[in-house]
Amino acid sequence: MGREGSKDVQNAIFAGFKSAAVTAVVSSASVALAVRHVPWAKANLNHTGRTLIVCGASLFMFALTTDQAILETQRKNTRYK
């Protein structure tokens, strides 16, 4: 992989981290509100459950965004001229 390929991968990973950070903030806020106002969530979600929800959502968004960015770059690089 050349310099351009390495730079593309770094950009994809950075985009993944940004989307994971935004997802973590949004999902943390929504889980906190749910635990406060929804009786089922208050009774059944302990700290571990809340953490797993936030981590799972963040991990999913990281993988999805990184994959999309890499595929978009590949698509752009393999267009016929």
C-alpha atoms as a PDB file:
ATOM      1  CA  MET A   1       0.000   0.000   0.000  1.00  0.00           C
ATOM      2  CA  GLY A   2       1.403   3.357  -1.014  1.00  0.00           C
ATOM      3  CA  ARG A   3       1.272   6.673   0.729  1.00  0.00           C
ATOM      4  CA  GLU A   4      -2.120   7.555  -0.749  1.00  0.00           C
ATOM      5  CA  GLY A   5      -3.645   4.277   0.421  1.00  0.00           C
ATOM      6  CA  SER A   6      -2.283   4.759   3.915  1.00  0.00           C
ATOM      7  CA  LYS A   7      -3.628   8.308   4.025  1.00  0.00           C
ATOM      8  CA  ASP A   8      -7.054   7.086   2.882  1.00  0.00           C
ATOM      9  CA  VAL A   9      -7.144   4.494   5.656  1.00  0.00           C
ATOM     10  CA  GLN A  10      -6.121   7.108   8.232  1.00  0.00           C
ATOM     11  CA  ASN A  11      -8.899   9.410   7.028  1.00  0.00           C
ATOM     12  CA  ALA A  12     -11.413   6.566   7.259  1.00  0.00           C
ATOM     13  CA  ILE A  13     -10.323   5.724  10.808  1.00  0.00           C
ATOM     14  CA  PHE A  14     -10.537   9.385  11.833  1.00  0.00           C
ATOM     15  CA  ALA A  15     -14.050   9.612  10.379  1.00  0.00           C
ATOM     16  CA  GLY A  16     -14.950   6.456  12.309  1.00  0.00           C
ATOM     17  CA  PHE A  17     -13.667   7.924  15.568  1.00  0.00           C
ATOM     18  CA  LYS A  18     -15.645  11.119  15.018  1.00  0.00           C
ATOM     19  CA  SER A  19     -18.877   9.252  14.380  1.00  0.00           C
ATOM     20  CA  ALA A  20     -18.247   6.937  17.354  1.00  0.00           C
ATOM     21  CA  ALA A  21     -17.722   9.941  19.640  1.00  0.00           C
ATOM     22  CA  VAL A  22     -20.948  11.586  18.508  1.00  0.00           C
ATOM     23  CA  THR A  23     -22.817   8.300  18.913  1.00  0.00           C
ATOM     24  CA  ALA A  24     -21.411   7.816  22.410  1.00  0.00           C
ATOM     25  CA  VAL A  25     -22.621  11.250  23.519  1.00  0.00           C
ATOM     26  CA  VAL A  26     -26.072  10.821  21.992  1.00  0.00           C
ATOM     27  CA  SER A  27     -26.573   7.279  23.260  1.00  0.00           C
ATOM     28  CA  SER A  28     -25.311   8.206  26.744  1.00  0.00           C
ATOM     29  CA  ALA A  29     -27.832  10.999  26.975  1.00  0.00           C
ATOM     30  CA  SER A  30     -30.687   8.827  25.724  1.00  0.00           C
ATOM     31  CA  VAL A  31     -29.816   5.950  28.080  1.00  0.00           C
ATOM     32  CA  ALA A  32     -29.551   8.346  31.024  1.00  0.00           C
ATOM     33  CA  LEU A  33     -32.965   9.813  30.225  1.00  0.00           C
ATOM     34  CA  ALA A  34     -34.495   6.372  29.747  1.00  0.00           C
ATOM     35  CA  VAL A  35     -33.172   5.141  33.086  1.00  0.00           C
ATOM     36  CA  ARG A  36     -34.615   8.187  34.768  1.00  0.00           C
ATOM     37  CA  HIS A  37     -38.078   8.201  33.200  1.00  0.00           C
ATOM     38  CA  VAL A  38     -38.888   4.666  32.000  1.00  0.00           C
ATOM     39  CA  PRO A  39     -39.793   2.326  34.867  1.00  0.00           C
ATOM     40  CA  TRP A  40     -38.620  -0.835  33.088  1.00  0.00           C
ATOM     41  CA  ALA A  41     -35.213   0.676  32.333  1.00  0.00           C
ATOM     42  CA  LYS A  42     -34.874   1.968  35.875  1.00  0.00           C
ATOM     43  CA  ALA A  43     -35.588  -1.486  37.289  1.00  0.00           C
ATOM     44  CA  ASN A  44     -33.601  -3.617  34.838  1.00  0.00           C
ATOM     45  CA  LEU A  45     -30.586  -1.671  33.525  1.00  0.00           C
ATOM     46  CA  ASN A  46     -27.634  -1.652  35.889  1.00  0.00           C
ATOM     47  CA  HIS A  47     -24.366   0.191  35.173  1.00  0.00           C
ATOM     48  CA  THR A  48     -23.003  -2.674  33.102  1.00  0.00           C
ATOM     49  CA  GLY A  49     -26.085  -2.774  30.898  1.00  0.00           C
ATOM     50  CA  ARG A  50     -25.960   0.960  30.305  1.00  0.00           C
ATOM     51  CA  THR A  51     -22.271   0.784  29.427  1.00  0.00           C
ATOM     52  CA  LEU A  52     -22.827  -2.095  27.013  1.00  0.00           C
ATOM     53  CA  ILE A  53     -25.554  -0.149  25.200  1.00  0.00           C
ATOM     54  CA  VAL A  54     -23.325   2.893  24.735  1.00  0.00           C
ATOM     55  CA  CYS A  55     -20.244   0.844  23.756  1.00  0.00           C
ATOM     56  CA  GLY A  56     -22.199  -1.316  21.348  1.00  0.00           C
ATOM     57  CA  ALA A  57     -23.697   1.665  19.570  1.00  0.00           C
ATOM     58  CA  SER A  58     -20.314   3.413  19.355  1.00  0.00           C
ATOM     59  CA  LEU A  59     -18.545   0.316  18.059  1.00  0.00           C
ATOM     60  CA  PHE A  60     -21.222  -0.245  15.431  1.00  0.00           C
ATOM     61  CA  MET A  61     -20.973   3.353  14.187  1.00  0.00           C
ATOM     62  CA  PHE A  62     -17.166   3.189  14.080  1.00  0.00           C
ATOM     63  CA  ALA A  63     -17.229   0.022  11.981  1.00  0.00           C
ATOM     64  CA  LEU A  64     -19.986   1.292   9.703  1.00  0.00           C
ATOM     65  CA  THR A  65     -18.420   4.701   9.049  1.00  0.00           C
ATOM     66  CA  THR A  66     -14.921   3.317   8.518  1.00  0.00           C
ATOM     67  CA  ASP A  67     -16.201   0.684   6.108  1.00  0.00           C
ATOM     68  CA  GLN A  68     -18.225   3.244   4.155  1.00  0.00           C
ATOM     69  CA  ALA A  69     -15.267   5.620   3.898  1.00  0.00           C
ATOM     70  CA  ILE A  70     -12.919   2.895   2.658  1.00  0.00           C
ATOM     71  CA  LEU A  71     -15.455   1.612   0.125  1.00  0.00           C
ATOM     72  CA  GLU A  72     -16.120   5.147  -1.116  1.00  0.00           C
ATOM     73  CA  THR A  73     -12.392   5.714  -1.617  1.00  0.00           C
ATOM     74  CA  GLN A  74     -12.027   2.414  -3.462  1.00  0.00           C
ATOM     75  CA  ARG A  75     -14.983   3.256  -5.669  1.00  0.00           C
ATOM     76  CA  LYS A  76     -13.461   6.622  -6.469  1.00  0.00           C
ATOM     77  CA  ASN A  77     -10.072   5.079  -7.288  1.00  0.00           C
ATOM     78  CA  THR A  78     -11.422   2.343  -9.579  1.00  0.00           C
ATOM     79  CA  ARG A  79     -13.629   4.441 -11.848  1.00  0.00           C
ATOM     80  CA  TYR A  80     -13.035   3.896 -15.540  1.00  0.00           C
ATOM     81  CA  LYS A  81     -11.539   6.833 -17.371  1.00  0.00           C
END
